[in-house]
Structures are given as structure tokens and as C-alpha cells.
Protein backbone atom coordinates (compact mmCIF):
# COMPACT_ATOMS: atom_id res chain seq x y z
CA MET A 1 54.58 -54.50 145.23
CA ASP A 2 54.43 -50.83 144.74
CA ALA A 3 51.85 -49.00 142.86
CA ALA A 4 53.69 -47.99 139.73
CA VAL A 5 54.75 -51.62 139.01
CA LYS A 6 51.88 -52.76 139.69
CA GLN A 7 50.06 -50.86 136.86
CA ARG A 8 53.03 -51.73 134.88
CA TYR A 9 52.34 -55.12 135.60
CA VAL A 10 48.31 -54.84 134.78
CA ARG A 11 48.99 -52.94 131.29
CA LEU A 12 51.91 -55.42 129.88
CA GLN A 13 48.93 -57.75 130.28
CA TRP A 14 46.06 -56.40 128.88
CA LYS A 15 49.20 -55.49 126.05
CA THR A 16 49.72 -59.12 126.28
CA LEU A 17 46.28 -60.54 125.69
CA ILE A 18 45.54 -58.29 122.83
CA VAL A 19 48.31 -59.17 121.04
CA LEU A 20 47.66 -62.43 121.77
CA MET A 21 43.87 -62.26 120.39
CA VAL A 22 45.43 -60.33 117.16
CA GLY A 23 47.52 -62.88 116.33
CA TYR A 24 45.28 -65.69 116.35
CA ILE A 25 42.83 -63.55 114.37
CA CYS A 26 45.51 -63.94 111.64
CA TYR A 27 46.14 -67.81 111.97
CA TYR A 28 42.13 -68.42 111.93
CA PHE A 29 42.33 -65.74 108.65
CA LEU A 30 44.79 -68.56 106.76
CA ARG A 31 42.88 -71.47 108.47
CA LYS A 32 38.90 -71.07 107.79
CA ASN A 33 39.63 -69.24 104.31
CA PHE A 34 39.18 -72.66 103.55
CA SER A 35 35.97 -73.60 104.68
CA ALA A 36 35.04 -70.35 102.92
CA ALA A 37 36.08 -71.31 99.90
CA ILE A 38 34.68 -74.89 99.53
CA PRO A 39 31.38 -74.17 97.38
CA ALA A 40 33.58 -72.36 95.27
CA MET A 41 36.44 -74.71 94.73
CA GLU A 42 33.27 -77.47 94.47
CA SER A 43 31.83 -75.68 91.72
CA THR A 44 35.07 -74.27 89.83
CA LEU A 45 37.12 -76.59 90.54
CA GLY A 46 35.24 -80.04 90.80
CA LEU A 47 36.10 -81.18 93.46
CA SER A 48 34.15 -83.17 95.69
CA LYS A 49 32.58 -83.49 99.46
CA ILE A 50 34.66 -85.93 99.49
CA GLN A 51 37.55 -84.67 98.46
CA LEU A 52 37.15 -81.65 100.54
CA GLY A 53 36.37 -83.51 103.37
CA ILE A 54 39.72 -85.25 103.18
CA PHE A 55 41.19 -81.80 103.13
CA LEU A 56 39.90 -81.05 105.85
CA THR A 57 40.52 -84.20 107.65
CA LEU A 58 43.93 -85.04 107.48
CA ASN A 59 44.73 -80.98 107.82
CA GLY A 60 42.73 -81.73 111.38
CA ILE A 61 44.64 -84.70 112.24
CA VAL A 62 47.91 -82.97 111.28
CA TYR A 63 47.44 -80.16 112.99
CA GLY A 64 46.10 -82.16 116.83
CA LEU A 65 48.98 -83.95 116.49
CA SER A 66 51.65 -80.80 115.59
CA ARG A 67 49.90 -79.53 118.60
CA MET A 68 51.55 -82.09 121.04
CA VAL A 69 54.68 -81.71 119.32
CA ASN A 70 54.75 -77.79 119.92
CA GLY A 71 52.81 -77.91 123.15
CA VAL A 72 55.99 -79.50 124.52
CA LEU A 73 58.15 -77.38 122.39
CA ALA A 74 56.15 -74.48 124.49
CA ASP A 75 57.07 -75.64 127.67
CA ARG A 76 60.79 -75.41 127.07
CA TYR A 77 61.42 -72.97 124.52
CA SER A 78 60.38 -69.20 123.16
CA LYS A 79 57.15 -69.40 122.75
CA ARG A 80 56.67 -66.08 121.43
CA ILE A 81 59.45 -67.29 118.54
CA LEU A 82 57.43 -70.50 117.82
CA MET A 83 54.15 -68.80 116.99
CA SER A 84 55.23 -66.15 114.88
CA VAL A 85 57.25 -68.18 112.87
CA GLY A 86 54.03 -70.93 112.46
CA LEU A 87 51.94 -67.60 110.79
CA LEU A 88 55.12 -66.75 108.58
CA LEU A 89 54.52 -70.25 107.54
CA SER A 90 51.33 -70.38 106.88
CA CYS A 91 51.29 -66.87 104.71
CA ALA A 92 53.78 -68.91 102.47
CA ILE A 93 51.42 -71.66 102.09
CA ASN A 94 48.37 -69.66 101.48
CA LEU A 95 49.80 -68.24 98.47
CA ALA A 96 50.99 -71.35 97.32
CA ILE A 97 47.29 -72.50 96.97
CA CYS A 98 46.35 -69.37 95.50
CA PHE A 99 49.14 -69.46 92.67
CA SER A 100 48.95 -73.53 92.20
CA PRO A 101 46.70 -72.91 89.46
CA LYS A 102 49.57 -71.36 87.67
CA LEU A 103 51.72 -74.58 87.22
CA ASN A 104 48.84 -75.98 84.93
CA GLY A 105 51.39 -76.89 81.82
CA VAL A 106 54.28 -77.89 83.84
CA VAL A 107 52.32 -80.59 85.53
CA ALA A 108 48.87 -81.59 84.00
CA LEU A 109 46.92 -79.59 86.55
CA PHE A 110 43.34 -79.56 84.68
CA ASP A 111 41.64 -82.06 82.28
CA GLU A 112 39.90 -81.00 79.05
CA GLN A 113 36.69 -79.47 80.56
CA GLY A 114 38.57 -77.07 82.94
CA LYS A 115 38.48 -79.21 86.16
CA ALA A 116 41.19 -80.21 88.31
CA THR A 117 42.81 -83.39 87.99
CA LEU A 118 43.96 -85.84 90.42
CA GLY A 119 47.06 -83.59 90.09
CA LEU A 120 45.84 -80.38 91.77
CA VAL A 121 43.62 -82.43 94.39
CA TYR A 122 47.17 -83.80 95.45
CA LEU A 123 48.54 -80.56 95.35
CA ILE A 124 46.63 -78.46 96.93
CA GLY A 125 45.51 -80.88 99.37
CA SER A 126 49.45 -81.94 100.46
CA LEU A 127 49.66 -77.99 100.93
CA TRP A 128 46.86 -77.83 103.01
CA VAL A 129 48.30 -80.61 105.13
CA LEU A 130 51.28 -78.51 105.85
CA ASN A 131 49.25 -76.07 107.01
CA GLY A 132 47.64 -77.76 109.42
CA TYR A 133 50.82 -78.34 110.80
CA VAL A 134 52.26 -74.89 111.07
CA HIS A 135 49.13 -73.81 112.42
CA GLY A 136 50.15 -76.27 115.50
CA MET A 137 52.33 -74.11 116.94
CA ALA A 138 49.78 -71.38 117.56
CA TYR A 139 47.73 -72.77 120.17
CA PRO A 140 50.25 -74.61 122.67
CA PRO A 141 51.85 -71.45 122.83
CA ILE A 142 49.29 -68.93 123.93
CA ALA A 143 48.16 -71.35 126.59
CA SER A 144 51.11 -71.34 127.89
CA MET A 145 51.89 -67.82 127.91
CA MET A 146 48.26 -67.08 129.45
CA ALA A 147 48.83 -69.27 131.97
CA HIS A 148 52.39 -67.74 133.03
CA TRP A 149 50.15 -64.05 132.73
CA PHE A 150 47.45 -64.82 134.46
CA HIS A 151 46.50 -66.34 137.90
CA PRO A 152 44.52 -69.38 137.77
CA SER A 153 41.42 -67.33 140.22
CA GLU A 154 41.16 -64.82 136.77
CA LEU A 155 42.34 -67.29 133.90
CA ALA A 156 38.88 -68.14 132.73
CA THR A 157 37.77 -64.82 132.40
CA LYS A 158 40.97 -63.56 130.61
CA GLN A 159 41.13 -66.53 128.25
CA SER A 160 37.84 -66.88 127.42
CA ILE A 161 38.20 -63.34 126.35
CA TRP A 162 41.54 -64.32 123.88
CA ASN A 163 39.24 -67.30 123.05
CA ALA A 164 36.56 -64.79 121.10
CA SER A 165 39.84 -64.58 118.30
CA HIS A 166 38.69 -67.62 117.03
CA SER A 167 34.94 -66.12 116.75
CA LEU A 168 36.34 -63.02 115.33
CA GLY A 169 38.86 -64.52 113.30
CA ALA A 170 36.42 -67.45 111.89
CA GLY A 171 33.75 -64.56 111.13
CA LEU A 172 35.83 -62.23 109.76
CA VAL A 173 37.41 -64.28 107.34
CA ILE A 174 34.04 -65.90 105.77
CA ALA A 175 32.60 -62.72 106.01
CA LEU A 176 35.57 -61.29 104.16
CA CYS A 177 35.58 -64.28 101.41
CA GLY A 178 31.93 -64.00 100.79
CA TRP A 179 31.68 -60.60 99.96
CA LEU A 180 34.90 -61.85 97.38
CA LEU A 181 32.99 -64.52 96.07
CA SER A 182 29.62 -62.68 95.82
CA HIS A 183 31.75 -59.39 94.29
CA PHE A 184 34.17 -61.38 91.61
CA GLY A 185 32.72 -64.78 90.81
CA TYR A 186 33.31 -68.33 92.35
CA GLU A 187 36.32 -68.15 89.63
CA ALA A 188 38.25 -65.68 92.14
CA TRP A 189 38.18 -68.36 94.77
CA ASN A 190 42.42 -68.08 94.77
CA LEU A 191 41.42 -64.19 96.52
CA CYS A 192 40.20 -66.22 99.24
CA PHE A 193 43.89 -67.39 99.89
CA ILE A 194 45.67 -64.19 98.61
CA VAL A 195 44.18 -60.83 100.77
CA PRO A 196 44.30 -62.98 103.66
CA ALA A 197 47.76 -64.20 103.62
CA VAL A 198 48.88 -60.73 103.10
CA ILE A 199 46.60 -59.47 106.30
CA ALA A 200 48.34 -61.95 108.85
CA PHE A 201 51.69 -61.17 107.47
CA PHE A 202 51.40 -57.93 109.65
CA GLY A 203 49.87 -59.95 112.33
CA ALA A 204 52.81 -62.20 112.31
CA ILE A 205 55.72 -59.04 112.77
CA LEU A 206 53.51 -57.73 115.42
CA MET A 207 53.59 -60.65 117.81
CA LEU A 208 57.84 -61.18 116.99
CA ARG A 209 58.07 -57.38 118.17
CA THR A 210 55.98 -56.84 121.17
CA LEU A 211 55.38 -60.19 122.52
CA LYS A 212 57.21 -61.59 125.89
CA ASP A 213 56.68 -64.96 127.20
CA THR A 214 56.59 -64.66 130.91
CA PRO A 215 56.42 -61.52 133.33
CA GLN A 216 59.86 -62.23 134.06
CA GLU A 217 61.39 -61.10 130.91
CA CYS A 218 59.89 -57.74 131.78
CA GLY A 219 61.68 -57.60 134.68
CA LEU A 220 58.15 -58.40 136.72
CA PRO A 221 57.82 -61.43 139.93
CA PRO A 222 55.87 -63.93 138.56
CA VAL A 223 51.95 -63.62 138.75
CA GLU A 224 50.90 -64.55 142.03
CA ALA A 225 53.08 -61.59 143.54
CA LEU A 226 49.60 -59.42 142.55
CA VAL A 227 47.64 -61.82 144.95
CA GLU A 228 49.61 -60.36 147.61
CA ASP A 229 47.86 -57.08 146.91
CA GLY A 230 44.55 -58.86 146.85
CA GLY A 231 44.33 -58.85 143.46
CA GLN A 232 43.06 -61.98 142.85
CA LYS A 233 41.76 -65.13 145.28
CA LYS A 234 44.40 -66.60 146.99
CA ASP A 235 45.62 -70.24 145.58
CA GLU A 236 48.20 -71.58 147.82
CA ALA A 237 49.01 -74.64 146.13
CA ALA A 238 49.26 -72.84 142.87
CA ASP A 239 51.33 -70.31 144.16
CA SER A 240 53.51 -72.49 146.11
CA LEU A 241 53.89 -74.29 142.65
CA GLU A 242 55.00 -71.24 140.82
CA MET A 243 58.43 -70.94 143.60
CA GLN A 244 59.65 -74.81 142.28
CA PRO A 245 61.09 -74.15 138.52
CA LEU A 246 61.52 -77.90 136.76
CA SER A 247 64.20 -79.03 134.36
CA GLY A 248 65.41 -82.06 132.71
CA GLU A 249 64.50 -85.60 134.07
CA ARG A 250 62.22 -83.89 136.45
CA LEU A 251 60.34 -81.62 134.35
CA ARG A 252 59.55 -84.90 132.22
CA ALA A 253 58.29 -87.12 134.71
CA PHE A 254 56.40 -84.06 135.97
CA ILE A 255 54.69 -83.73 132.69
CA SER A 256 53.87 -87.29 132.58
CA ARG A 257 52.18 -86.96 135.83
CA MET A 258 50.45 -84.33 135.23
CA VAL A 259 49.37 -84.74 131.64
CA PHE A 260 49.88 -88.38 130.20
CA ARG A 261 49.08 -90.03 133.35
CA ASN A 262 46.39 -88.08 134.54
CA PRO A 263 42.51 -89.20 133.96
CA ALA A 264 41.45 -85.72 133.75
CA ILE A 265 43.11 -84.96 131.01
CA TRP A 266 41.98 -87.86 129.16
CA SER A 267 38.43 -87.55 129.84
CA ILE A 268 38.70 -83.56 128.86
CA SER A 269 39.96 -84.28 125.72
CA ILE A 270 37.94 -86.93 124.94
CA ALA A 271 34.53 -84.51 126.00
CA ASP A 272 36.09 -81.76 123.61
CA PHE A 273 36.43 -84.54 120.89
CA CYS A 274 32.79 -84.15 121.22
CA VAL A 275 32.64 -80.60 121.31
CA TYR A 276 34.57 -80.51 118.12
CA VAL A 277 32.28 -82.58 116.07
CA ILE A 278 29.14 -80.09 116.45
CA ARG A 279 31.49 -77.19 116.41
CA PHE A 280 33.54 -78.44 113.03
CA THR A 281 30.03 -79.05 111.79
CA ILE A 282 29.09 -75.42 111.52
CA LEU A 283 32.13 -73.87 110.96
CA GLU A 284 33.68 -76.70 107.87
CA TRP A 285 30.45 -76.87 106.67
CA GLY A 286 27.93 -74.41 107.24
CA THR A 287 28.15 -72.28 104.40
CA THR A 288 27.68 -75.67 102.52
CA PHE A 289 24.74 -77.01 103.94
CA LEU A 290 23.03 -73.65 104.52
CA THR A 291 23.23 -73.56 100.32
CA GLN A 292 22.40 -77.06 99.46
CA TYR A 293 20.08 -78.05 102.62
CA LYS A 294 18.38 -75.13 103.42
CA GLY A 295 18.82 -73.51 100.10
CA PHE A 296 19.76 -70.19 100.96
CA ASP A 297 22.32 -68.28 98.47
CA ILE A 298 26.24 -67.96 99.17
CA ALA A 299 26.21 -64.20 100.59
CA LEU A 300 23.34 -64.84 102.91
CA ALA A 301 25.04 -68.79 103.72
CA ALA A 302 28.20 -67.17 104.34
CA SER A 303 26.71 -63.98 106.67
CA ILE A 304 24.75 -66.58 108.74
CA VAL A 305 27.93 -68.15 109.31
CA ALA A 306 29.70 -65.00 109.92
CA ALA A 307 27.17 -63.94 112.57
CA SER A 308 27.09 -67.01 114.09
CA GLU A 309 30.81 -66.80 114.55
CA LEU A 310 31.14 -62.60 115.63
CA ILE A 311 28.17 -62.53 117.73
CA GLY A 312 27.24 -66.21 119.23
CA GLY A 313 30.68 -67.27 119.47
CA VAL A 314 32.15 -64.09 120.97
CA LEU A 315 29.49 -63.67 123.39
CA GLY A 316 29.35 -67.10 123.96
CA THR A 317 33.10 -67.35 125.35
CA ILE A 318 32.37 -64.19 127.26
CA VAL A 319 29.77 -65.60 129.18
CA ALA A 320 31.15 -68.47 129.73
CA GLY A 321 34.16 -66.97 131.29
CA TRP A 322 32.47 -64.58 133.62
CA ALA A 323 30.14 -67.29 134.73
CA THR A 324 32.78 -69.88 135.44
CA ASP A 325 35.08 -67.30 137.74
CA HIS A 326 31.73 -65.70 139.46
CA LEU A 327 29.01 -67.92 139.70
CA PHE A 328 30.74 -71.13 139.67
CA HIS A 329 34.25 -70.69 141.62
CA SER A 330 36.43 -71.13 138.87
CA HIS A 331 34.94 -74.60 137.92
CA THR A 332 35.51 -74.34 134.16
CA LEU A 333 34.02 -78.29 133.76
CA ARG A 334 30.26 -77.45 135.24
CA THR A 335 29.79 -74.57 132.94
CA SER A 336 31.36 -77.13 129.98
CA ALA A 337 28.81 -79.61 130.56
CA LEU A 338 25.69 -76.64 130.59
CA PHE A 339 27.02 -75.20 127.42
CA THR A 340 27.57 -78.05 125.21
CA LEU A 341 23.74 -79.17 126.50
CA GLY A 342 23.09 -76.13 125.10
CA ALA A 343 24.35 -76.54 121.90
CA THR A 344 23.43 -80.06 121.02
CA LEU A 345 19.71 -78.89 122.32
CA SER A 346 20.28 -75.69 119.97
CA PHE A 347 21.69 -77.40 116.63
CA THR A 348 18.86 -80.04 116.74
CA ALA A 349 16.43 -77.02 117.00
CA PHE A 350 17.94 -76.16 113.60
CA TRP A 351 17.72 -79.45 112.32
CA LEU A 352 14.30 -79.75 112.91
CA ILE A 353 13.08 -75.57 111.44
CA PRO A 354 11.31 -76.83 108.68
CA GLN A 355 12.99 -75.71 104.97
CA GLU A 356 9.91 -73.74 104.14
CA ALA A 357 10.51 -71.53 107.74
CA PRO A 358 11.57 -68.09 107.12
CA TRP A 359 15.44 -67.42 106.86
CA ILE A 360 15.94 -65.94 110.44
CA TRP A 361 14.55 -68.70 112.31
CA SER A 362 17.36 -71.32 111.21
CA ALA A 363 20.05 -68.14 111.69
CA VAL A 364 18.71 -67.75 114.98
CA ALA A 365 19.46 -71.62 115.57
CA ILE A 366 22.94 -71.66 114.61
CA VAL A 367 23.96 -68.36 116.12
CA ALA A 368 22.65 -70.36 119.50
CA SER A 369 24.85 -72.92 118.45
CA ALA A 370 27.82 -71.68 118.16
CA PHE A 371 26.82 -69.05 121.60
CA PHE A 372 27.19 -72.15 123.85
CA ILE A 373 29.36 -74.33 121.85
CA TYR A 374 32.73 -71.73 121.81
CA GLY A 375 32.05 -71.37 125.70
CA PRO A 376 33.32 -75.41 125.94
CA GLN A 377 35.84 -74.48 123.44
CA ALA A 378 37.38 -71.94 125.15
CA LEU A 379 37.15 -73.50 128.87
CA LEU A 380 38.32 -76.73 127.82
CA GLY A 381 41.45 -75.32 127.47
CA VAL A 382 41.31 -73.22 130.29
CA SER A 383 40.95 -77.18 132.07
CA CYS A 384 43.96 -78.43 130.70
CA SER A 385 45.77 -75.54 131.97
CA GLN A 386 44.01 -75.62 135.05
CA TYR A 387 44.68 -79.53 135.81
CA ALA A 388 47.69 -79.92 134.68
CA THR A 389 49.22 -76.53 136.13
CA ARG A 390 50.80 -73.59 134.73
CA MET A 391 53.99 -75.64 134.36
CA ALA A 392 52.90 -78.04 131.79
CA ALA A 393 49.61 -75.94 130.41
CA GLY A 394 51.42 -76.37 126.88
CA SER A 395 52.24 -80.05 126.96
CA ALA A 396 48.14 -80.75 128.25
CA ASN A 397 46.61 -78.28 125.61
CA GLY A 398 48.72 -79.88 122.77
CA PHE A 399 47.99 -83.49 124.31
CA CYS A 400 44.31 -82.24 123.82
CA GLY A 401 44.49 -80.73 120.64
CA ILE A 402 45.30 -84.67 119.27
CA PHE A 403 41.50 -85.20 120.29
CA CYS A 404 39.87 -82.35 119.48
CA TYR A 405 41.77 -82.51 116.01
CA GLY A 406 40.67 -85.98 115.54
CA ALA A 407 37.31 -84.66 115.60
CA THR A 408 38.02 -83.88 111.76
CA VAL A 409 37.76 -87.66 111.28
CA ILE A 410 34.08 -87.24 111.87
CA SER A 411 33.44 -83.70 110.84
CA GLY A 412 35.18 -84.06 107.50
CA ILE A 413 35.61 -87.15 105.42
CA GLY A 414 32.79 -88.77 107.94
CA PHE A 415 30.18 -85.83 106.99
CA GLY A 416 31.56 -85.89 103.64
CA PHE A 417 30.70 -89.28 102.74
CA LEU A 418 27.40 -89.09 105.04
CA ALA A 419 26.74 -85.64 102.91
CA ASP A 420 27.01 -87.56 99.54
CA ALA A 421 25.52 -90.93 99.95
CA PRO A 422 22.52 -91.66 98.54
CA GLY A 423 19.80 -92.52 101.46
CA MET A 424 21.94 -90.19 103.89
CA GLY A 425 22.95 -86.61 102.79
CA TRP A 426 22.49 -83.71 105.74
CA ASN A 427 20.06 -85.44 107.91
CA ALA A 428 22.87 -88.45 108.97
CA VAL A 429 24.91 -85.72 109.17
CA PHE A 430 23.09 -83.19 112.15
CA MET A 431 22.04 -87.06 113.72
CA VAL A 432 25.24 -88.16 114.37
CA ALA A 433 26.05 -84.82 115.28
CA ILE A 434 24.01 -84.33 117.62
CA ALA A 435 24.38 -87.72 119.17
CA PHE A 436 28.46 -86.66 119.81
CA GLY A 437 26.79 -83.39 121.68
CA LEU A 438 25.01 -86.09 123.84
CA ALA A 439 27.77 -88.12 124.91
CA GLY A 440 30.39 -84.43 125.53
CA THR A 441 27.27 -83.83 127.83
CA VAL A 442 26.84 -86.69 130.05
CA ILE A 443 31.15 -86.91 129.79
CA LEU A 444 31.32 -83.15 131.42
CA SER A 445 28.55 -83.51 134.44
CA CYS A 446 30.44 -86.63 135.70
CA PHE A 447 33.19 -83.77 136.67
CA TRP A 448 30.45 -81.84 138.88
CA LYS A 449 31.86 -82.04 142.39
CA SER A 450 35.40 -82.27 141.29
CA PRO A 451 38.23 -79.91 142.27
CA THR A 452 38.77 -77.12 140.13
CA ASN A 453 42.22 -77.66 139.49
CA GLY A 454 45.44 -80.24 139.39
CA TYR A 455 47.81 -77.62 141.53
CA GLU A 456 47.12 -79.36 144.56
CA ARG A 457 47.96 -83.16 142.57
CA ALA A 458 51.23 -81.12 141.40
CA ARG A 459 51.88 -80.37 145.29
CA LYS A 460 52.05 -83.97 146.29
CA PHE A 461 54.18 -85.38 143.23
CA LEU A 462 56.60 -82.58 143.94
CA ALA A 463 56.78 -83.34 147.61
């Protein structure tokens, strides 16, 4: 590969990475805006924590199933179109939620006290569940695209950089919604849906016009060609596998072997379930338990959760990716085990901090929890791509997504019930979340001496 082609290759890699980050930030604008609006919707519309928890749970379950469906599609069809269309559909759904109260009079959406009837609950809930499905059109195509554009020896670092989009998107939208609610009042909760939707629309157009599914679409060779120039550490199994394109029945058999009948993928998925319980406890309920359990006002609570994403989450993903490739020789599961333990201990510290203590200590503990939890949140997706290989990365990440967002059964309706239950409250929520963190640490620790990827398994199967 001559210098000009190599320079163009690297430039397009970074362009792809940046556009994928912008696109997923926009997706998060239309996903975590609901969590930021929870206190306002609870106060203004009279929705209960259990109802809100049901919304979060059903959204997560449908999202997880959608990731499975769209993961299979991403390995077969255009990744660029799949994720761009998903974002446009999410814009439409968020606008529908924003204007849903305008239907009052056509159907009975409010009672005499101005609180939501079951009609409005079902309407908003159904729209949010549908939003969960279209959001499943995002991550599997991205994981597959990343695996095609970046060599396995650098995938942990690059995907961890991309994974900062989770924290950037969540932090920015929480800060935005916090400002909107603080400035315009809780009655303006619908602004938390319309403003992010307008922003995300332009992100969808950007992805549709600029992304390419693979380097070959740009007239470039497969990514392993860069290895010949000493750009990355050579992986014989991975590089030889790239030269064997699969389709039809042979591709289905390969995906079955590397994903659905792969014990490593199952174990990673179960561990990711545990990781997501802690992650969603902070992200979905953070503004709520900071206002109700710690007694902070909404602006301070939203600022702390935003800081946990923008500072803790971004730094955590980047540090975890760098440590994986430079300290643990691309062994993502070792880093994930250590970071999951760190997140569990940090969240325990937050719980044990006295309520009368200065707010900064609770803020530091929440930011530290996010720092550590976003390490495995990023790396376990990389692990799926590595152990299933780039040829089945979309399917593996889709399968893992069922477990990740199945965690909303615990963090959504489960924690909503515990928080409202007499004699239970937020203390019970924190204890359950910590228990799942310990379980995830144990599962990941069992992989300490395992291989770093599944390319050798794939090579043997294809042979």
C-alpha cells in the first residue's frame, strides 16, 4: 500500500469514527431525554414511579429484541441506511410524544384535576416502546462497521473512543433538559422531546450522506492490508479469515457457531446484564434519587448526572480502551472485570455517604461509578465483536443486547416498585444494584486466562 492510499485510509477511518460518534450522540438525545424528563412528568402529569418504570422496562426489552433482529440485518444489508432510517423514525416518535397532550378532547387524556388518565399513560408508553425498537437499529450496524474499518489489535481503543458518544449524548441531553426544566418550569416537559428531535434530524442526514459500510466501498482494500505496513500487530487468524467471504447457508452456519452456540458470547452477555443494572440505575433514576434520596434540587441533580456522563463516562471509556490495548494486550475481559469491581465499590461508597454530608462527595462517588461502569459497557461490546469475529459482529452484539436491555426489568419496573414500596425505598434499590455488580465481577474474572478473541475458533470451523 503506497503512502497516499494509506493516508486516505487513515483519514477515512477517523471520518467514519467521528460521524458514528455524532450519529450515536443524536440517538442518545432521543433516548435519555425521557429519563431527564421523569421528575417533571411525575409532577406535572401525575405519573407514578411504577408507571414510569414500566415505560423504561418495556422500552429496554423491545430495544434488546430489536438489537437482535437488526444485528442479523446489519451483517447482511446496508448498515448506513439501517441506522440513518432508525434515527429519522425516532425523531418522528419523539415529536409525537411532545404533541400527544394536544389530542385531549379527541380522547380523554386528562382528568378533572389535570392529571394523566390511563389513556395518556398508554399513549406515551406505546410511543416510547416503539422508540425502543427503532433505537435497536443503531448499535449493531455501528459495531459491525467498526469491526470492518478497524483491525482487532486496535479495535478496543477506537471503539472505546466511539463509546464516549454514550456519555456525551446522555450528559448533553440531561444538561439540556435540566436547563429547559429549570428555565421554563416542569410544565414545559414536552420541550425535552421536541428540542432533541430537531437536533437529531440533522445528525440523521449527516450519517446518510457521509458514511460507508466498509473500506471496499471507498475503493480501499480490507483493513488487514494496513498490517503489512506495520500499522498494527498482526493476527494471522484474523487476517486469514477476512479473505473468506461467506453468504447463504454457510454464513448462517457460521453465525450459529460463533454466536448462538458460543459459550463465551453467552457468558459475556450475562455479565453485561449485571453491568447494565448499575449503569441504568444511575442513568435512568439518577436525577430522581438525587432529588428524593439526597434532597438535591433538580438543577444540581441534573448537573451531577450530566457530569457523571461527560466527565466520568468519557474518561472511563477512553482509559479502559487504552489500558486494554496497551496494558492487557487486547484482553478486553480483564479490563472489564477490574472496572466492574471499581464501579461496584464506587456506587457502594455513594450509598454509604451520609445525606447530611456536602453534596460534592455524592457527586464524586457518582462520577467515579460512571467512570468505571462505562469501561465494561464499552469493552463488552468489543468482546462480542472479537469473540464472534468481524463477520458476525452485528449478530453477536445484537444477541448481547437482549441481555443488556433485559436489565431494564430490574432497573425499570423492579426498581420503580422497590423505590415506592413501604419499608423498602432507595436503600433496597442500591443494595440490589450492588449485588449485581459483584456478580458481574465474578463472571468476568473467570475469563482472566482465556484467549483474547475467537478468530482461531472461527478458522477451525471454516477449515
